[in-house]
Amino acid sequence: MVVEAAMVLPMFLLFVLFLIFIVQMTLYSTALQSTASDTVKVISTHMYPAALAAQKWEDKKGDAAGGPGGAGAASDGAASTDKWSVPRLSLEEWSDSYVADLPEPIADWVSAAVKRGEEPLQELQAEASEGVLDLALKPVMKPYLSTDWLDYDRIHVSNVIVPDLKTGSRPYFGLVVSYALPMKVPFLNQRIVLEASAVERLWIGNTDAEGDEDSSAGEDDHSTIVILEKPNPGVANDQGRIRVKIPPNASASLSIFYKSGQSTAKYLGWKQADANGYLEWEWKIGVNTTPGTWPFVIQLEDGTSLEATFTVVKRNQVKEVK
């Protein structure tokens, strides 16, 4: 009996510690998600009025400046907007076009060096972006810490979704925050990082109030995107399909926003239409997707976008909906 107890007791204690560990992770994750959601809701509510006030102040300042100096400043500002931007490809994909023109031995050496440098570069980029975003957005989150469980110094802002207030497209603001848990994985001594995301639509006014010409132009832009098929309704843990018609051979991106934030399902994002302009996305609707009506945004490369909604129901609700 003593030998059996000596063998069973450590396993039982490990099981109890594992349950405590899971409960603590759940508490941290819930608190982090609540903090991110509250922060995004408040910022989304006040961003548009603040932008209008800032725009009005800039207009008054520009009118006060006036004269030829103001025109020169405007031309300088227009010139400064034409800046080079970092491509969305990874370092390895970006270097393929250059490696292809090199001789065979050198091409292999360069490819191997790029592969070795890809991961450290991504880590450095992530640390740099977190440092910048923490300075800008982390203080805003401090008043909305939902519980004393969270340590302010362990929270980091990993990514931010910035809306386009000028054209009215992509009227969404979102945050992706991470939290390094104080405990580590037993026996492996590796830290655990929780991540939470939240996206909210901005409270904006009439974005087409620039005049009849702008309104007609907006209608022409939206007419280039025609939704032919969407889930009606979408069933959780089933396939969803959205089919549209856009200009021939054009590329478009599909973004879906659920209660937890933007969907990260496979086969969403950018795709190219065929010669007739037909384009289709098919993805798996998660089994834990909250039932309700959720928006999706289709955007072309030139910035033209169209927003619509579709309904998600549980499988046992399909007959009731029909």
C-alpha atoms as a PDB file:
ATOM      1  CA  MET A   1       0.000   0.000   0.000  1.00  0.00           C
ATOM      2  CA  VAL A   2       2.845   2.392   0.835  1.00  0.00           C
ATOM      3  CA  VAL A   3       4.472   1.813  -2.545  1.00  0.00           C
ATOM      4  CA  GLU A   4       1.186   2.296  -4.400  1.00  0.00           C
ATOM      5  CA  ALA A   5       0.457   5.498  -2.474  1.00  0.00           C
ATOM      6  CA  ALA A   6       3.942   6.792  -3.234  1.00  0.00           C
ATOM      7  CA  MET A   7       3.312   6.220  -6.953  1.00  0.00           C
ATOM      8  CA  VAL A   8      -0.242   7.598  -7.101  1.00  0.00           C
ATOM      9  CA  LEU A   9       0.136  10.662  -4.858  1.00  0.00           C
ATOM     10  CA  PRO A  10       2.594  12.575  -7.128  1.00  0.00           C
ATOM     11  CA  MET A  11       0.349  11.980 -10.123  1.00  0.00           C
ATOM     12  CA  PHE A  12      -2.672  13.189  -8.178  1.00  0.00           C
ATOM     13  CA  LEU A  13      -0.832  16.327  -7.044  1.00  0.00           C
ATOM     14  CA  LEU A  14       0.269  17.035 -10.619  1.00  0.00           C
ATOM     15  CA  PHE A  15      -3.336  16.685 -11.765  1.00  0.00           C
ATOM     16  CA  VAL A  16      -4.505  19.166  -9.088  1.00  0.00           C
ATOM     17  CA  LEU A  17      -1.767  21.627 -10.057  1.00  0.00           C
ATOM     18  CA  PHE A  18      -2.791  21.278 -13.696  1.00  0.00           C
ATOM     19  CA  LEU A  19      -6.411  22.146 -12.855  1.00  0.00           C
ATOM     20  CA  ILE A  20      -5.292  25.191 -10.848  1.00  0.00           C
ATOM     21  CA  PHE A  21      -3.101  26.238 -13.749  1.00  0.00           C
ATOM     22  CA  ILE A  22      -6.013  25.986 -16.220  1.00  0.00           C
ATOM     23  CA  VAL A  23      -8.328  27.991 -13.939  1.00  0.00           C
ATOM     24  CA  GLN A  24      -5.749  30.766 -13.567  1.00  0.00           C
ATOM     25  CA  MET A  25      -5.196  30.902 -17.328  1.00  0.00           C
ATOM     26  CA  THR A  26      -8.957  31.221 -17.847  1.00  0.00           C
ATOM     27  CA  LEU A  27      -9.189  34.102 -15.372  1.00  0.00           C
ATOM     28  CA  TYR A  28      -6.284  35.930 -17.015  1.00  0.00           C
ATOM     29  CA  SER A  29      -7.694  35.372 -20.496  1.00  0.00           C
ATOM     30  CA  THR A  30     -11.172  36.616 -19.535  1.00  0.00           C
ATOM     31  CA  ALA A  31      -9.765  39.727 -17.855  1.00  0.00           C
ATOM     32  CA  LEU A  32      -7.522  40.486 -20.844  1.00  0.00           C
ATOM     33  CA  GLN A  33     -10.389  40.117 -23.332  1.00  0.00           C
ATOM     34  CA  SER A  34     -12.621  42.369 -21.225  1.00  0.00           C
ATOM     35  CA  THR A  35      -9.919  45.035 -21.018  1.00  0.00           C
ATOM     36  CA  ALA A  36      -9.313  44.990 -24.766  1.00  0.00           C
ATOM     37  CA  SER A  37     -13.053  45.153 -25.543  1.00  0.00           C
ATOM     38  CA  ASP A  38     -13.719  48.058 -23.172  1.00  0.00           C
ATOM     39  CA  THR A  39     -10.763  50.021 -24.547  1.00  0.00           C
ATOM     40  CA  VAL A  40     -11.795  49.507 -28.170  1.00  0.00           C
ATOM     41  CA  LYS A  41     -15.415  50.459 -27.449  1.00  0.00           C
ATOM     42  CA  VAL A  42     -14.465  53.759 -25.816  1.00  0.00           C
ATOM     43  CA  ILE A  43     -11.935  54.695 -28.516  1.00  0.00           C
ATOM     44  CA  SER A  44     -14.361  53.784 -31.310  1.00  0.00           C
ATOM     45  CA  THR A  45     -17.055  55.947 -29.733  1.00  0.00           C
ATOM     46  CA  HIS A  46     -14.906  59.082 -29.489  1.00  0.00           C
ATOM     47  CA  MET A  47     -12.548  58.746 -32.463  1.00  0.00           C
ATOM     48  CA  TYR A  48     -14.828  60.263 -35.115  1.00  0.00           C
ATOM     49  CA  PRO A  49     -15.837  63.381 -33.085  1.00  0.00           C
ATOM     50  CA  ALA A  50     -12.179  63.906 -32.175  1.00  0.00           C
ATOM     51  CA  ALA A  51     -11.179  63.630 -35.842  1.00  0.00           C
ATOM     52  CA  LEU A  52     -13.817  66.205 -36.836  1.00  0.00           C
ATOM     53  CA  ALA A  53     -12.573  68.602 -34.160  1.00  0.00           C
ATOM     54  CA  ALA A  54      -8.961  68.152 -35.290  1.00  0.00           C
ATOM     55  CA  GLN A  55      -9.929  68.687 -38.926  1.00  0.00           C
ATOM     56  CA  LYS A  56     -11.812  71.868 -38.058  1.00  0.00           C
ATOM     57  CA  TRP A  57      -8.841  73.180 -36.114  1.00  0.00           C
ATOM     58  CA  GLU A  58      -6.484  72.437 -39.018  1.00  0.00           C
ATOM     59  CA  ASP A  59      -8.828  74.221 -41.437  1.00  0.00           C
ATOM     60  CA  LYS A  60      -8.856  77.318 -39.234  1.00  0.00           C
ATOM     61  CA  LYS A  61      -5.100  77.206 -38.936  1.00  0.00           C
ATOM     62  CA  GLY A  62      -4.730  76.900 -42.731  1.00  0.00           C
ATOM     63  CA  ASP A  63      -7.085  79.825 -43.331  1.00  0.00           C
ATOM     64  CA  ALA A  64      -5.120  81.960 -40.883  1.00  0.00           C
ATOM     65  CA  ALA A  65      -1.851  81.135 -42.629  1.00  0.00           C
ATOM     66  CA  GLY A  66      -3.157  81.918 -46.161  1.00  0.00           C
ATOM     67  CA  GLY A  67      -0.981  83.617 -48.808  1.00  0.00           C
ATOM     68  CA  PRO A  68       1.594  82.069 -51.080  1.00  0.00           C
ATOM     69  CA  GLY A  69       3.384  80.513 -48.130  1.00  0.00           C
ATOM     70  CA  GLY A  70       0.340  78.400 -47.410  1.00  0.00           C
ATOM     71  CA  ALA A  71       0.232  77.202 -51.002  1.00  0.00           C
ATOM     72  CA  GLY A  72       3.894  76.232 -50.839  1.00  0.00           C
ATOM     73  CA  ALA A  73       3.278  74.319 -47.630  1.00  0.00           C
ATOM     74  CA  ALA A  74       0.370  72.514 -49.257  1.00  0.00           C
ATOM     75  CA  SER A  75       2.514  71.498 -52.208  1.00  0.00           C
ATOM     76  CA  ASP A  76       5.236  70.283 -49.848  1.00  0.00           C
ATOM     77  CA  GLY A  77       2.634  68.277 -47.930  1.00  0.00           C
ATOM     78  CA  ALA A  78       1.335  66.736 -51.134  1.00  0.00           C
ATOM     79  CA  ALA A  79       4.848  65.783 -52.124  1.00  0.00           C
ATOM     80  CA  SER A  80       5.588  64.300 -48.724  1.00  0.00           C
ATOM     81  CA  THR A  81       2.626  61.944 -48.962  1.00  0.00           C
ATOM     82  CA  ASP A  82       4.294  60.033 -51.786  1.00  0.00           C
ATOM     83  CA  LYS A  83       6.489  57.776 -49.674  1.00  0.00           C
ATOM     84  CA  TRP A  84       7.890  54.315 -50.136  1.00  0.00           C
ATOM     85  CA  SER A  85       6.242  51.671 -47.963  1.00  0.00           C
ATOM     86  CA  VAL A  86       7.571  48.323 -46.808  1.00  0.00           C
ATOM     87  CA  PRO A  87       6.090  45.507 -48.922  1.00  0.00           C
ATOM     88  CA  ARG A  88       3.693  43.072 -47.277  1.00  0.00           C
ATOM     89  CA  LEU A  89       5.800  40.100 -48.420  1.00  0.00           C
ATOM     90  CA  SER A  90       8.249  38.365 -46.106  1.00  0.00           C
ATOM     91  CA  LEU A  91      11.983  38.808 -46.489  1.00  0.00           C
ATOM     92  CA  GLU A  92      12.306  35.404 -48.149  1.00  0.00           C
ATOM     93  CA  GLU A  93       9.566  36.094 -50.700  1.00  0.00           C
ATOM     94  CA  TRP A  94      10.872  39.594 -51.345  1.00  0.00           C
ATOM     95  CA  SER A  95      14.384  38.309 -52.078  1.00  0.00           C
ATOM     96  CA  ASP A  96      13.292  35.582 -54.514  1.00  0.00           C
ATOM     97  CA  SER A  97      13.181  38.012 -57.434  1.00  0.00           C
ATOM     98  CA  TYR A  98      16.818  38.993 -56.806  1.00  0.00           C
ATOM     99  CA  VAL A  99      18.121  35.500 -56.079  1.00  0.00           C
ATOM    100  CA  ALA A 100      16.699  34.184 -59.356  1.00  0.00           C
ATOM    101  CA  ASP A 101      19.146  36.348 -61.335  1.00  0.00           C
ATOM    102  CA  LEU A 102      22.250  35.146 -59.471  1.00  0.00           C
ATOM    103  CA  PRO A 103      24.505  32.245 -60.540  1.00  0.00           C
ATOM    104  CA  GLU A 104      23.727  28.832 -59.059  1.00  0.00           C
ATOM    105  CA  PRO A 105      26.286  28.620 -56.209  1.00  0.00           C
ATOM    106  CA  ILE A 106      25.726  32.197 -55.035  1.00  0.00           C
ATOM    107  CA  ALA A 107      21.939  31.863 -55.281  1.00  0.00           C
ATOM    108  CA  ASP A 108      21.987  28.890 -52.861  1.00  0.00           C
ATOM    109  CA  TRP A 109      24.198  30.766 -50.408  1.00  0.00           C
ATOM    110  CA  VAL A 110      21.991  33.853 -50.459  1.00  0.00           C
ATOM    111  CA  SER A 111      18.810  31.785 -50.049  1.00  0.00           C
ATOM    112  CA  ALA A 112      20.276  29.949 -47.052  1.00  0.00           C
ATOM    113  CA  ALA A 113      21.381  33.232 -45.464  1.00  0.00           C
ATOM    114  CA  VAL A 114      17.940  34.765 -45.980  1.00  0.00           C
ATOM    115  CA  LYS A 115      16.228  31.764 -44.388  1.00  0.00           C
ATOM    116  CA  ARG A 116      18.519  31.965 -41.360  1.00  0.00           C
ATOM    117  CA  GLY A 117      17.876  35.694 -40.989  1.00  0.00           C
ATOM    118  CA  GLU A 118      14.091  35.571 -41.484  1.00  0.00           C
ATOM    119  CA  GLU A 119      13.118  34.494 -37.952  1.00  0.00           C
ATOM    120  CA  PRO A 120      15.408  36.955 -36.064  1.00  0.00           C
ATOM    121  CA  LEU A 121      14.206  39.748 -38.334  1.00  0.00           C
ATOM    122  CA  GLN A 122      10.559  38.921 -37.632  1.00  0.00           C
ATOM    123  CA  GLU A 123      11.251  38.847 -33.886  1.00  0.00           C
ATOM    124  CA  LEU A 124      13.032  42.181 -34.088  1.00  0.00           C
ATOM    125  CA  GLN A 125      10.163  43.677 -36.088  1.00  0.00           C
ATOM    126  CA  ALA A 126       7.628  42.381 -33.554  1.00  0.00           C
ATOM    127  CA  GLU A 127       9.600  43.835 -30.633  1.00  0.00           C
ATOM    128  CA  ALA A 128       9.976  47.194 -32.396  1.00  0.00           C
ATOM    129  CA  SER A 129       6.279  47.405 -33.273  1.00  0.00           C
ATOM    130  CA  GLU A 130       5.283  46.466 -29.721  1.00  0.00           C
ATOM    131  CA  GLY A 131       7.556  49.180 -28.349  1.00  0.00           C
ATOM    132  CA  VAL A 132       5.973  51.847 -30.564  1.00  0.00           C
ATOM    133  CA  LEU A 133       2.390  50.689 -30.005  1.00  0.00           C
ATOM    134  CA  ASP A 134       2.910  50.411 -26.252  1.00  0.00           C
ATOM    135  CA  LEU A 135       3.957  54.059 -26.052  1.00  0.00           C
ATOM    136  CA  ALA A 136       0.950  55.207 -28.075  1.00  0.00           C
ATOM    137  CA  LEU A 137      -1.903  52.949 -26.939  1.00  0.00           C
ATOM    138  CA  LYS A 138      -0.932  51.183 -23.734  1.00  0.00           C
ATOM    139  CA  PRO A 139      -1.625  54.206 -21.461  1.00  0.00           C
ATOM    140  CA  VAL A 140      -5.162  54.355 -22.889  1.00  0.00           C
ATOM    141  CA  MET A 141      -5.817  50.818 -21.653  1.00  0.00           C
ATOM    142  CA  LYS A 142      -4.756  51.493 -18.061  1.00  0.00           C
ATOM    143  CA  PRO A 143      -8.116  52.948 -16.838  1.00  0.00           C
ATOM    144  CA  TYR A 144      -9.950  49.918 -18.238  1.00  0.00           C
ATOM    145  CA  LEU A 145      -8.050  47.138 -16.487  1.00  0.00           C
ATOM    146  CA  SER A 146     -11.003  45.034 -15.439  1.00  0.00           C
ATOM    147  CA  THR A 147      -9.395  43.319 -12.452  1.00  0.00           C
ATOM    148  CA  ASP A 148      -6.376  43.310 -10.172  1.00  0.00           C
ATOM    149  CA  TRP A 149      -5.326  40.015 -11.730  1.00  0.00           C
ATOM    150  CA  LEU A 150      -3.635  41.811 -14.625  1.00  0.00           C
ATOM    151  CA  ASP A 151      -0.212  43.376 -14.211  1.00  0.00           C
ATOM    152  CA  TYR A 152       0.029  46.547 -16.302  1.00  0.00           C
ATOM    153  CA  ASP A 153       3.707  45.962 -17.121  1.00  0.00           C
ATOM    154  CA  ARG A 154       2.976  42.547 -18.668  1.00  0.00           C
ATOM    155  CA  ILE A 155       0.449  43.896 -21.203  1.00  0.00           C
ATOM    156  CA  HIS A 156       1.708  44.663 -24.701  1.00  0.00           C
ATOM    157  CA  VAL A 157      -0.097  45.956 -27.798  1.00  0.00           C
ATOM    158  CA  SER A 158       0.784  43.625 -30.676  1.00  0.00           C
ATOM    159  CA  ASN A 159      -1.252  45.130 -33.517  1.00  0.00           C
ATOM    160  CA  VAL A 160      -3.766  47.859 -34.258  1.00  0.00           C
ATOM    161  CA  ILE A 161      -6.453  48.229 -36.941  1.00  0.00           C
ATOM    162  CA  VAL A 162      -6.689  51.886 -37.983  1.00  0.00           C
ATOM    163  CA  PRO A 163      -9.843  53.103 -39.765  1.00  0.00           C
ATOM    164  CA  ASP A 164      -9.853  55.239 -42.898  1.00  0.00           C
ATOM    165  CA  LEU A 165     -11.800  58.358 -41.895  1.00  0.00           C
ATOM    166  CA  LYS A 166     -11.146  60.281 -45.116  1.00  0.00           C
ATOM    167  CA  THR A 167     -12.924  57.962 -47.533  1.00  0.00           C
ATOM    168  CA  GLY A 168     -15.182  56.248 -45.011  1.00  0.00           C
ATOM    169  CA  SER A 169     -13.969  52.789 -46.012  1.00  0.00           C
ATOM    170  CA  ARG A 170     -12.910  50.318 -43.317  1.00  0.00           C
ATOM    171  CA  PRO A 171     -14.673  52.160 -40.447  1.00  0.00           C
ATOM    172  CA  TYR A 172     -13.282  49.734 -37.883  1.00  0.00           C
ATOM    173  CA  PHE A 173     -10.862  50.199 -35.006  1.00  0.00           C
ATOM    174  CA  GLY A 174      -9.272  47.201 -33.366  1.00  0.00           C
ATOM    175  CA  LEU A 175      -6.538  46.137 -30.990  1.00  0.00           C
ATOM    176  CA  VAL A 176      -4.577  42.934 -30.550  1.00  0.00           C
ATOM    177  CA  VAL A 177      -3.022  42.738 -27.084  1.00  0.00           C
ATOM    178  CA  SER A 178      -0.833  40.096 -25.478  1.00  0.00           C
ATOM    179  CA  TYR A 179      -0.129  39.232 -21.868  1.00  0.00           C
ATOM    180  CA  ALA A 180       2.839  37.237 -20.572  1.00  0.00           C
ATOM    181  CA  LEU A 181       1.659  35.013 -17.719  1.00  0.00           C
ATOM    182  CA  PRO A 182       3.710  35.076 -14.502  1.00  0.00           C
ATOM    183  CA  MET A 183       3.823  31.275 -14.432  1.00  0.00           C
ATOM    184  CA  LYS A 184       5.727  29.094 -16.884  1.00  0.00           C
ATOM    185  CA  VAL A 185       5.145  25.650 -18.344  1.00  0.00           C
ATOM    186  CA  PRO A 186       6.213  23.065 -15.763  1.00  0.00           C
ATOM    187  CA  PHE A 187       9.380  21.110 -16.585  1.00  0.00           C
ATOM    188  CA  LEU A 188       9.845  23.045 -19.869  1.00  0.00           C
ATOM    189  CA  ASN A 189      10.426  26.480 -18.317  1.00  0.00           C
ATOM    190  CA  GLN A 190       8.776  28.248 -21.270  1.00  0.00           C
ATOM    191  CA  ARG A 191       6.626  31.324 -20.806  1.00  0.00           C
ATOM    192  CA  ILE A 192       2.992  31.403 -21.861  1.00  0.00           C
ATOM    193  CA  VAL A 193       1.637  34.437 -23.727  1.00  0.00           C
ATOM    194  CA  LEU A 194      -2.114  34.996 -23.949  1.00  0.00           C
ATOM    195  CA  GLU A 195      -3.551  37.059 -26.790  1.00  0.00           C
ATOM    196  CA  ALA A 196      -6.873  38.869 -27.099  1.00  0.00           C
ATOM    197  CA  SER A 197      -8.345  40.935 -29.912  1.00  0.00           C
ATOM    198  CA  ALA A 198     -11.315  43.257 -30.224  1.00  0.00           C
ATOM    199  CA  VAL A 199     -12.770  45.171 -33.193  1.00  0.00           C
ATOM    200  CA  GLU A 200     -15.542  47.758 -33.131  1.00  0.00           C
ATOM    201  CA  ARG A 201     -17.206  49.801 -35.838  1.00  0.00           C
ATOM    202  CA  LEU A 202     -16.780  53.560 -35.443  1.00  0.00           C
ATOM    203  CA  TRP A 203     -19.726  55.820 -34.772  1.00  0.00           C
ATOM    204  CA  ILE A 204     -19.408  57.946 -37.891  1.00  0.00           C
ATOM    205  CA  GLY A 205     -21.694  60.387 -39.640  1.00  0.00           C
ATOM    206  CA  ASN A 206     -22.606  60.724 -43.307  1.00  0.00           C
ATOM    207  CA  THR A 207     -19.394  60.094 -45.197  1.00  0.00           C
ATOM    208  CA  ASP A 208     -21.014  60.953 -48.541  1.00  0.00           C
ATOM    209  CA  ALA A 209     -21.835  64.569 -47.635  1.00  0.00           C
ATOM    210  CA  GLU A 210     -19.203  66.075 -49.915  1.00  0.00           C
ATOM    211  CA  GLY A 211     -21.653  66.917 -52.671  1.00  0.00           C
ATOM    212  CA  ASP A 212     -23.605  65.347 -55.462  1.00  0.00           C
ATOM    213  CA  GLU A 213     -20.500  64.598 -57.494  1.00  0.00           C
ATOM    214  CA  ASP A 214     -18.842  62.699 -54.661  1.00  0.00           C
ATOM    215  CA  SER A 215     -22.059  60.824 -53.962  1.00  0.00           C
ATOM    216  CA  SER A 216     -22.418  59.729 -57.552  1.00  0.00           C
ATOM    217  CA  ALA A 217     -18.774  58.716 -57.604  1.00  0.00           C
ATOM    218  CA  GLY A 218     -19.312  56.610 -54.505  1.00  0.00           C
ATOM    219  CA  GLU A 219     -22.263  54.904 -56.120  1.00  0.00           C
ATOM    220  CA  ASP A 220     -20.156  54.127 -59.180  1.00  0.00           C
ATOM    221  CA  ASP A 221     -17.433  52.670 -56.954  1.00  0.00           C
ATOM    222  CA  HIS A 222     -19.842  50.441 -55.046  1.00  0.00           C
ATOM    223  CA  SER A 223     -21.456  49.291 -58.283  1.00  0.00           C
ATOM    224  CA  THR A 224     -18.135  47.678 -59.250  1.00  0.00           C
ATOM    225  CA  ILE A 225     -18.694  45.134 -56.434  1.00  0.00           C
ATOM    226  CA  VAL A 226     -21.829  43.010 -56.734  1.00  0.00           C
ATOM    227  CA  ILE A 227     -22.585  40.309 -54.176  1.00  0.00           C
ATOM    228  CA  LEU A 228     -24.014  37.269 -55.935  1.00  0.00           C
ATOM    229  CA  GLU A 229     -24.130  34.810 -53.055  1.00  0.00           C
ATOM    230  CA  LYS A 230     -23.668  34.837 -49.283  1.00  0.00           C
ATOM    231  CA  PRO A 231     -24.571  32.463 -46.414  1.00  0.00           C
ATOM    232  CA  ASN A 232     -28.330  32.572 -45.813  1.00  0.00           C
ATOM    233  CA  PRO A 233     -27.942  31.681 -43.059  1.00  0.00           C
ATOM    234  CA  GLY A 234     -24.441  30.554 -42.155  1.00  0.00           C
ATOM    235  CA  VAL A 235     -24.323  27.481 -39.928  1.00  0.00           C
ATOM    236  CA  ALA A 236     -21.689  27.129 -37.209  1.00  0.00           C
ATOM    237  CA  ASN A 237     -19.187  24.323 -37.894  1.00  0.00           C
ATOM    238  CA  ASP A 238     -20.172  24.340 -41.576  1.00  0.00           C
ATOM    239  CA  GLN A 239     -18.805  25.830 -44.792  1.00  0.00           C
ATOM    240  CA  GLY A 240     -19.591  29.448 -45.689  1.00  0.00           C
ATOM    241  CA  ARG A 241     -19.467  30.827 -49.216  1.00  0.00           C
ATOM    242  CA  ILE A 242     -19.457  34.378 -50.573  1.00  0.00           C
ATOM    243  CA  ARG A 243     -19.472  34.940 -54.340  1.00  0.00           C
ATOM    244  CA  VAL A 244     -19.095  38.385 -55.931  1.00  0.00           C
ATOM    245  CA  LYS A 245     -18.596  40.027 -59.301  1.00  0.00           C
ATOM    246  CA  ILE A 246     -15.879  42.659 -59.662  1.00  0.00           C
ATOM    247  CA  PRO A 247     -13.897  44.087 -62.599  1.00  0.00           C
ATOM    248  CA  PRO A 248     -12.257  41.316 -64.661  1.00  0.00           C
ATOM    249  CA  ASN A 249      -8.899  40.052 -63.385  1.00  0.00           C
ATOM    250  CA  ALA A 250      -9.053  42.410 -60.398  1.00  0.00           C
ATOM    251  CA  SER A 251      -8.011  41.408 -56.878  1.00  0.00           C
ATOM    252  CA  ALA A 252     -10.212  41.756 -53.800  1.00  0.00           C
ATOM    253  CA  SER A 253      -9.949  41.035 -50.107  1.00  0.00           C
ATOM    254  CA  LEU A 254     -12.658  39.605 -47.838  1.00  0.00           C
ATOM    255  CA  SER A 255     -12.659  40.470 -44.114  1.00  0.00           C
ATOM    256  CA  ILE A 256     -15.252  39.068 -41.700  1.00  0.00           C
ATOM    257  CA  PHE A 257     -15.848  40.530 -38.255  1.00  0.00           C
ATOM    258  CA  TYR A 258     -17.357  38.425 -35.472  1.00  0.00           C
ATOM    259  CA  LYS A 259     -17.960  39.292 -31.825  1.00  0.00           C
ATOM    260  CA  SER A 260     -14.413  38.275 -30.915  1.00  0.00           C
ATOM    261  CA  GLY A 261     -12.881  40.380 -33.702  1.00  0.00           C
ATOM    262  CA  GLN A 262     -11.726  39.857 -37.255  1.00  0.00           C
ATOM    263  CA  SER A 263     -11.899  36.271 -38.478  1.00  0.00           C
ATOM    264  CA  THR A 264      -8.610  34.465 -39.025  1.00  0.00           C
ATOM    265  CA  ALA A 265     -10.123  31.555 -40.961  1.00  0.00           C
ATOM    266  CA  LYS A 266      -8.220  30.078 -43.869  1.00  0.00           C
ATOM    267  CA  TYR A 267      -9.015  30.983 -47.478  1.00  0.00           C
ATOM    268  CA  LEU A 268     -10.095  34.532 -46.613  1.00  0.00           C
ATOM    269  CA  GLY A 269      -8.118  37.605 -47.627  1.00  0.00           C
ATOM    270  CA  TRP A 270      -6.873  38.534 -51.087  1.00  0.00           C
ATOM    271  CA  LYS A 271      -7.890  36.637 -54.225  1.00  0.00           C
ATOM    272  CA  GLN A 272      -7.955  37.388 -57.951  1.00  0.00           C
ATOM    273  CA  ALA A 273     -11.087  37.253 -60.086  1.00  0.00           C
ATOM    274  CA  ASP A 274     -11.288  35.391 -63.361  1.00  0.00           C
ATOM    275  CA  ALA A 275     -11.561  36.918 -66.816  1.00  0.00           C
ATOM    276  CA  ASN A 276     -15.306  37.484 -66.310  1.00  0.00           C
ATOM    277  CA  GLY A 277     -14.882  39.132 -62.917  1.00  0.00           C
ATOM    278  CA  TYR A 278     -16.274  36.286 -60.799  1.00  0.00           C
ATOM    279  CA  LEU A 279     -14.634  35.636 -57.433  1.00  0.00           C
ATOM    280  CA  GLU A 280     -15.530  33.223 -54.649  1.00  0.00           C
ATOM    281  CA  TRP A 281     -14.422  32.664 -51.050  1.00  0.00           C
ATOM    282  CA  GLU A 282     -15.224  29.485 -49.144  1.00  0.00           C
ATOM    283  CA  TRP A 283     -14.213  29.038 -45.519  1.00  0.00           C
ATOM    284  CA  LYS A 284     -15.112  27.083 -42.402  1.00  0.00           C
ATOM    285  CA  ILE A 285     -17.424  28.870 -39.943  1.00  0.00           C
ATOM    286  CA  GLY A 286     -16.102  28.047 -36.482  1.00  0.00           C
ATOM    287  CA  VAL A 287     -18.074  25.755 -34.220  1.00  0.00           C
ATOM    288  CA  ASN A 288     -17.900  28.336 -31.408  1.00  0.00           C
ATOM    289  CA  THR A 289     -19.025  31.270 -33.551  1.00  0.00           C
ATOM    290  CA  THR A 290     -21.618  33.325 -31.673  1.00  0.00           C
ATOM    291  CA  PRO A 291     -25.019  33.300 -33.423  1.00  0.00           C
ATOM    292  CA  GLY A 292     -26.061  36.677 -34.763  1.00  0.00           C
ATOM    293  CA  THR A 293     -25.663  39.071 -37.673  1.00  0.00           C
ATOM    294  CA  TRP A 294     -22.054  39.885 -38.503  1.00  0.00           C
ATOM    295  CA  PRO A 295     -20.534  42.289 -41.058  1.00  0.00           C
ATOM    296  CA  PHE A 296     -18.101  41.467 -43.820  1.00  0.00           C
ATOM    297  CA  VAL A 297     -16.130  43.907 -45.991  1.00  0.00           C
ATOM    298  CA  ILE A 298     -14.978  43.350 -49.580  1.00  0.00           C
ATOM    299  CA  GLN A 299     -12.201  45.694 -50.670  1.00  0.00           C
ATOM    300  CA  LEU A 300     -10.506  46.178 -54.037  1.00  0.00           C
ATOM    301  CA  GLU A 301      -6.893  47.185 -54.582  1.00  0.00           C
ATOM    302  CA  ASP A 302      -7.863  50.777 -55.420  1.00  0.00           C
ATOM    303  CA  GLY A 303      -9.558  51.198 -52.019  1.00  0.00           C
ATOM    304  CA  THR A 304     -13.140  50.656 -53.189  1.00  0.00           C
ATOM    305  CA  SER A 305     -15.031  48.683 -50.569  1.00  0.00           C
ATOM    306  CA  LEU A 306     -18.481  47.293 -49.923  1.00  0.00           C
ATOM    307  CA  GLU A 307     -19.892  46.245 -46.568  1.00  0.00           C
ATOM    308  CA  ALA A 308     -22.712  43.765 -46.026  1.00  0.00           C
ATOM    309  CA  THR A 309     -23.894  41.373 -43.336  1.00  0.00           C
ATOM    310  CA  PHE A 310     -24.827  37.734 -42.995  1.00  0.00           C
ATOM    311  CA  THR A 311     -26.463  35.711 -40.237  1.00  0.00           C
ATOM    312  CA  VAL A 312     -24.886  32.839 -38.312  1.00  0.00           C
ATOM    313  CA  VAL A 313     -27.026  30.256 -36.505  1.00  0.00           C
ATOM    314  CA  LYS A 314     -26.387  27.026 -34.665  1.00  0.00           C
ATOM    315  CA  ARG A 315     -27.084  23.768 -36.473  1.00  0.00           C
ATOM    316  CA  ASN A 316     -30.148  23.044 -34.337  1.00  0.00           C
ATOM    317  CA  GLN A 317     -31.619  26.435 -35.326  1.00  0.00           C
ATOM    318  CA  VAL A 318     -31.528  25.854 -39.100  1.00  0.00           C
ATOM    319  CA  LYS A 319     -35.023  24.386 -39.252  1.00  0.00           C
ATOM    320  CA  GLU A 320     -36.440  27.200 -37.130  1.00  0.00           C
ATOM    321  CA  VAL A 321     -34.906  29.841 -39.420  1.00  0.00           C
ATOM    322  CA  LYS A 322     -36.223  28.128 -42.550  1.00  0.00           C
END
